[in-house]
C-alpha cells in the first residue's frame, strides 16, 4: 500500500519561499515564477486580469474573481466578461472600483 504525503502549511511556505528565491536568482518576473495576479486597467472601461482561478460571483454591478493569493472584486455599472481563457479574462463596462480581499 502506498501512502500519499499531503503537504502541510509549513511545507507550502517553504516551497513558495524556495520558488521566490529561485526566481530572484534567475531574475524572472514574479508573475511567471509564482503565478501572482496581474491586473491591467485601460481607462474606466476595460480590465484584463491574468493568472486567475475562477469566478466567485458575477453580476452586472460586481464581479468577484478568485486568484491564487486573494479575491479581486470589480464594482461598476453594466459589467460583463468580454472573454476569458485559461490564463486571462477581460471585463468591460463602467468600472468604479477594484478591491483586493485576502
N, C-alpha and C. Protein backbone atom coordinates (compact mmCIF):
# COMPACT_ATOMS: atom_id res chain seq x y z
N UNK A 1 0.83 -1.18 0.00
CA UNK A 1 0.00 0.00 0.00
C UNK A 1 0.89 1.25 0.00
N UNK A 2 0.56 2.19 -0.86
CA UNK A 2 1.33 3.41 -0.98
C UNK A 2 0.63 4.52 -0.21
N UNK A 3 1.38 5.17 0.67
CA UNK A 3 0.83 6.30 1.43
C UNK A 3 1.09 7.58 0.66
N UNK A 4 0.07 8.41 0.59
CA UNK A 4 0.24 9.71 -0.05
C UNK A 4 0.60 10.73 1.00
N UNK A 5 1.56 11.57 0.67
CA UNK A 5 2.00 12.62 1.58
C UNK A 5 1.27 13.91 1.23
N UNK A 6 0.62 14.47 2.20
CA UNK A 6 -0.09 15.74 2.00
C UNK A 6 0.77 16.86 2.57
N UNK A 7 0.99 17.87 1.76
CA UNK A 7 1.85 18.99 2.17
C UNK A 7 1.18 19.79 3.28
N UNK A 8 1.96 20.09 4.32
CA UNK A 8 1.46 20.92 5.40
C UNK A 8 1.63 22.39 5.02
N UNK A 9 1.10 23.28 5.85
CA UNK A 9 1.25 24.71 5.58
C UNK A 9 2.72 25.12 5.62
N UNK A 10 3.50 24.53 6.52
CA UNK A 10 4.93 24.84 6.59
C UNK A 10 5.65 24.38 5.34
N UNK A 11 5.27 23.19 4.81
CA UNK A 11 5.87 22.70 3.57
C UNK A 11 5.55 23.66 2.42
N UNK A 12 4.31 24.11 2.35
CA UNK A 12 3.88 25.02 1.28
C UNK A 12 4.63 26.34 1.37
N UNK A 13 4.79 26.88 2.58
CA UNK A 13 5.54 28.13 2.76
C UNK A 13 6.99 27.96 2.34
N UNK A 14 7.58 26.83 2.71
CA UNK A 14 8.97 26.56 2.36
C UNK A 14 9.13 26.45 0.85
N UNK A 15 8.22 25.77 0.19
CA UNK A 15 8.27 25.61 -1.27
C UNK A 15 8.10 26.96 -1.96
N UNK A 16 7.12 27.76 -1.50
CA UNK A 16 6.89 29.08 -2.08
C UNK A 16 8.10 29.98 -1.88
N UNK A 17 8.72 29.92 -0.71
CA UNK A 17 9.93 30.70 -0.44
C UNK A 17 11.07 30.28 -1.36
N UNK A 18 11.20 28.98 -1.59
CA UNK A 18 12.24 28.48 -2.49
C UNK A 18 12.00 28.96 -3.92
N UNK A 19 10.74 28.97 -4.35
CA UNK A 19 10.41 29.46 -5.70
C UNK A 19 10.77 30.93 -5.84
N UNK A 20 10.45 31.72 -4.81
CA UNK A 20 10.75 33.15 -4.87
C UNK A 20 12.26 33.38 -4.94
N UNK A 21 13.03 32.65 -4.15
CA UNK A 21 14.49 32.81 -4.18
C UNK A 21 15.05 32.39 -5.54
N UNK A 22 14.53 31.30 -6.10
CA UNK A 22 14.97 30.85 -7.42
C UNK A 22 14.63 31.89 -8.48
N UNK A 23 13.42 32.45 -8.41
CA UNK A 23 13.01 33.47 -9.37
C UNK A 23 13.90 34.70 -9.28
N UNK A 24 14.25 35.09 -8.06
CA UNK A 24 15.15 36.24 -7.88
C UNK A 24 16.53 35.95 -8.44
N UNK A 25 17.02 34.74 -8.19
CA UNK A 25 18.34 34.35 -8.68
C UNK A 25 18.40 34.31 -10.20
N UNK A 26 17.33 33.87 -10.82
CA UNK A 26 17.27 33.82 -12.28
C UNK A 26 16.74 35.10 -12.90
N UNK A 27 16.38 36.06 -12.04
CA UNK A 27 15.82 37.34 -12.46
C UNK A 27 14.55 37.17 -13.29
N UNK A 28 13.71 36.23 -12.87
CA UNK A 28 12.42 36.02 -13.54
C UNK A 28 11.36 36.92 -12.90
N UNK A 29 10.39 37.41 -13.69
CA UNK A 29 9.30 38.18 -13.11
C UNK A 29 8.45 37.29 -12.20
N UNK A 30 7.91 37.86 -11.11
CA UNK A 30 7.13 37.08 -10.15
C UNK A 30 5.86 36.51 -10.78
N UNK A 31 5.28 37.20 -11.75
CA UNK A 31 4.07 36.69 -12.37
C UNK A 31 4.33 35.37 -13.09
N UNK A 32 5.52 35.21 -13.65
CA UNK A 32 5.87 33.98 -14.35
C UNK A 32 6.20 32.88 -13.36
N UNK A 33 7.01 33.18 -12.37
CA UNK A 33 7.52 32.16 -11.46
C UNK A 33 6.55 31.78 -10.36
N UNK A 34 5.75 32.72 -9.86
CA UNK A 34 4.90 32.45 -8.70
C UNK A 34 3.41 32.50 -9.03
N UNK A 35 3.06 32.92 -10.24
CA UNK A 35 1.65 32.95 -10.62
C UNK A 35 0.83 34.03 -9.95
N UNK A 36 1.45 35.16 -9.62
CA UNK A 36 0.71 36.24 -8.98
C UNK A 36 -0.23 36.89 -10.00
N UNK A 37 -1.29 37.49 -9.48
CA UNK A 37 -2.30 38.10 -10.35
C UNK A 37 -1.74 39.39 -10.98
N UNK A 38 -2.10 39.60 -12.24
CA UNK A 38 -1.75 40.82 -12.95
C UNK A 38 -3.06 41.47 -13.38
N UNK A 39 -3.26 42.72 -12.99
CA UNK A 39 -4.46 43.47 -13.36
C UNK A 39 -4.03 44.64 -14.23
N UNK A 40 -4.53 44.70 -15.46
CA UNK A 40 -4.22 45.79 -16.38
C UNK A 40 -5.52 46.54 -16.66
N UNK A 41 -5.55 47.81 -16.27
CA UNK A 41 -6.75 48.63 -16.44
C UNK A 41 -6.50 49.65 -17.54
N UNK A 42 -7.45 49.76 -18.46
CA UNK A 42 -7.38 50.75 -19.52
C UNK A 42 -8.55 51.71 -19.32
N UNK A 43 -8.24 52.91 -18.83
CA UNK A 43 -9.30 53.88 -18.55
C UNK A 43 -10.26 53.35 -17.50
N UNK A 44 -11.55 53.69 -17.65
CA UNK A 44 -12.58 53.19 -16.73
C UNK A 44 -13.46 52.16 -17.39
N UNK A 45 -13.11 51.71 -18.59
CA UNK A 45 -13.99 50.84 -19.37
C UNK A 45 -13.48 49.43 -19.59
N UNK A 46 -12.25 49.13 -19.24
CA UNK A 46 -11.70 47.82 -19.57
C UNK A 46 -10.67 47.37 -18.53
N UNK A 47 -10.69 46.08 -18.21
CA UNK A 47 -9.76 45.49 -17.25
C UNK A 47 -9.40 44.09 -17.75
N UNK A 48 -8.12 43.79 -17.79
CA UNK A 48 -7.67 42.44 -18.13
C UNK A 48 -6.98 41.87 -16.90
N UNK A 49 -7.41 40.68 -16.50
CA UNK A 49 -6.90 40.03 -15.30
C UNK A 49 -6.22 38.73 -15.72
N UNK A 50 -4.95 38.57 -15.33
CA UNK A 50 -4.19 37.37 -15.67
C UNK A 50 -3.91 36.55 -14.42
N UNK A 51 -3.75 35.25 -14.59
CA UNK A 51 -3.44 34.31 -13.50
C UNK A 51 -4.57 34.22 -12.49
N UNK A 52 -5.76 33.96 -12.95
CA UNK A 52 -6.91 33.80 -12.05
C UNK A 52 -7.27 32.32 -11.95
N UNK A 53 -8.06 31.99 -10.93
CA UNK A 53 -8.50 30.60 -10.76
C UNK A 53 -9.95 30.39 -11.17
N UNK A 54 -10.81 31.38 -10.90
CA UNK A 54 -12.21 31.21 -11.26
C UNK A 54 -13.05 32.41 -10.85
N UNK A 55 -14.30 32.40 -11.32
CA UNK A 55 -15.25 33.46 -10.99
C UNK A 55 -16.04 33.03 -9.76
N UNK A 56 -16.03 33.87 -8.73
CA UNK A 56 -16.76 33.58 -7.49
C UNK A 56 -18.20 34.05 -7.61
N UNK A 57 -18.40 35.28 -8.09
CA UNK A 57 -19.75 35.79 -8.31
C UNK A 57 -19.73 36.74 -9.51
N UNK A 58 -20.88 36.81 -10.19
CA UNK A 58 -20.98 37.58 -11.42
C UNK A 58 -22.32 38.27 -11.44
N UNK A 59 -22.29 39.59 -11.49
CA UNK A 59 -23.50 40.41 -11.58
C UNK A 59 -23.15 41.61 -12.45
N UNK A 60 -24.13 42.34 -12.93
CA UNK A 60 -23.81 43.47 -13.80
C UNK A 60 -23.22 44.66 -13.05
N UNK A 61 -23.22 44.63 -11.71
CA UNK A 61 -22.60 45.72 -10.95
C UNK A 61 -21.42 45.26 -10.09
N UNK A 62 -21.12 43.96 -10.05
CA UNK A 62 -19.98 43.46 -9.28
C UNK A 62 -19.56 42.07 -9.78
N UNK A 63 -18.27 41.93 -10.07
CA UNK A 63 -17.71 40.64 -10.46
C UNK A 63 -16.57 40.34 -9.49
N UNK A 64 -16.59 39.15 -8.88
CA UNK A 64 -15.55 38.74 -7.92
C UNK A 64 -14.81 37.54 -8.52
N UNK A 65 -13.48 37.66 -8.57
CA UNK A 65 -12.63 36.63 -9.17
C UNK A 65 -11.66 36.11 -8.12
N UNK A 66 -11.52 34.79 -8.05
CA UNK A 66 -10.56 34.16 -7.14
C UNK A 66 -9.23 34.01 -7.85
N UNK A 67 -8.15 34.45 -7.18
CA UNK A 67 -6.80 34.25 -7.69
C UNK A 67 -6.07 33.32 -6.72
N UNK A 68 -4.82 33.09 -6.97
CA UNK A 68 -4.03 32.21 -6.10
C UNK A 68 -3.91 32.77 -4.70
N UNK A 69 -3.73 34.09 -4.58
CA UNK A 69 -3.45 34.71 -3.29
C UNK A 69 -4.61 35.49 -2.69
N UNK A 70 -5.59 35.90 -3.49
CA UNK A 70 -6.65 36.76 -2.98
C UNK A 70 -7.87 36.72 -3.89
N UNK A 71 -8.88 37.49 -3.52
CA UNK A 71 -10.04 37.70 -4.38
C UNK A 71 -9.99 39.13 -4.89
N UNK A 72 -10.28 39.30 -6.16
CA UNK A 72 -10.33 40.62 -6.78
C UNK A 72 -11.79 40.93 -7.06
N UNK A 73 -12.25 42.06 -6.53
CA UNK A 73 -13.63 42.48 -6.69
C UNK A 73 -13.67 43.73 -7.58
N UNK A 74 -14.43 43.66 -8.67
CA UNK A 74 -14.57 44.77 -9.60
C UNK A 74 -16.01 45.27 -9.49
N UNK A 75 -16.18 46.54 -9.12
CA UNK A 75 -17.51 47.13 -8.98
C UNK A 75 -17.70 48.19 -10.05
N UNK A 76 -18.95 48.31 -10.54
CA UNK A 76 -19.25 49.30 -11.56
C UNK A 76 -20.65 49.16 -12.08
N UNK A 77 -20.87 49.60 -13.31
CA UNK A 77 -22.18 49.53 -13.98
C UNK A 77 -22.03 48.78 -15.30
N UNK A 78 -23.01 47.97 -15.61
CA UNK A 78 -23.06 47.23 -16.88
C UNK A 78 -21.77 46.41 -17.11
N UNK A 79 -21.28 45.78 -16.06
CA UNK A 79 -20.07 44.96 -16.17
C UNK A 79 -20.39 43.64 -16.84
N UNK A 80 -19.47 43.17 -17.67
CA UNK A 80 -19.60 41.84 -18.25
C UNK A 80 -18.22 41.30 -18.58
N UNK A 81 -18.11 39.99 -18.62
CA UNK A 81 -16.88 39.35 -19.03
C UNK A 81 -16.90 39.28 -20.55
N UNK A 82 -16.01 40.03 -21.17
CA UNK A 82 -15.94 40.10 -22.63
C UNK A 82 -15.40 38.81 -23.21
N UNK A 83 -14.34 38.27 -22.60
CA UNK A 83 -13.80 36.96 -22.98
C UNK A 83 -12.98 36.42 -21.82
N UNK A 84 -12.73 35.12 -21.84
CA UNK A 84 -11.83 34.51 -20.87
C UNK A 84 -11.18 33.29 -21.49
N UNK A 85 -9.94 33.05 -21.07
CA UNK A 85 -9.18 31.86 -21.45
C UNK A 85 -8.69 31.24 -20.15
N UNK A 86 -7.86 30.23 -20.26
CA UNK A 86 -7.27 29.62 -19.05
C UNK A 86 -6.33 30.58 -18.33
N UNK A 87 -5.77 31.54 -19.05
CA UNK A 87 -4.78 32.44 -18.47
C UNK A 87 -5.31 33.82 -18.13
N UNK A 88 -6.26 34.35 -18.92
CA UNK A 88 -6.69 35.72 -18.70
C UNK A 88 -8.18 35.93 -18.95
N UNK A 89 -8.66 37.05 -18.44
CA UNK A 89 -10.08 37.40 -18.55
C UNK A 89 -10.17 38.91 -18.78
N UNK A 90 -11.09 39.32 -19.65
CA UNK A 90 -11.31 40.75 -19.89
C UNK A 90 -12.71 41.12 -19.41
N UNK A 91 -12.76 42.15 -18.56
CA UNK A 91 -14.03 42.68 -18.04
C UNK A 91 -14.22 44.06 -18.63
N UNK A 92 -15.42 44.31 -19.17
CA UNK A 92 -15.73 45.62 -19.74
C UNK A 92 -16.97 46.18 -19.06
N UNK A 93 -17.15 47.48 -19.14
CA UNK A 93 -18.25 48.20 -18.52
C UNK A 93 -17.70 49.47 -17.90
N UNK A 94 -18.49 50.13 -17.11
CA UNK A 94 -18.04 51.34 -16.42
C UNK A 94 -17.51 50.92 -15.05
N UNK A 95 -16.20 50.93 -14.87
CA UNK A 95 -15.56 50.43 -13.65
C UNK A 95 -15.47 51.57 -12.63
N UNK A 96 -16.03 51.33 -11.43
CA UNK A 96 -15.97 52.31 -10.35
C UNK A 96 -14.82 52.03 -9.39
N UNK A 97 -14.61 50.74 -9.05
CA UNK A 97 -13.55 50.42 -8.10
C UNK A 97 -13.06 48.98 -8.29
N UNK A 98 -11.83 48.77 -7.84
CA UNK A 98 -11.21 47.44 -7.83
C UNK A 98 -10.65 47.25 -6.43
N UNK A 99 -11.02 46.14 -5.79
CA UNK A 99 -10.50 45.89 -4.45
C UNK A 99 -9.96 44.47 -4.35
N UNK A 100 -9.04 44.30 -3.42
CA UNK A 100 -8.38 43.00 -3.20
C UNK A 100 -8.72 42.53 -1.79
N UNK A 101 -9.25 41.32 -1.68
CA UNK A 101 -9.62 40.74 -0.40
C UNK A 101 -8.74 39.54 -0.13
N UNK A 102 -8.08 39.52 1.01
CA UNK A 102 -7.20 38.40 1.36
C UNK A 102 -8.01 37.27 1.94
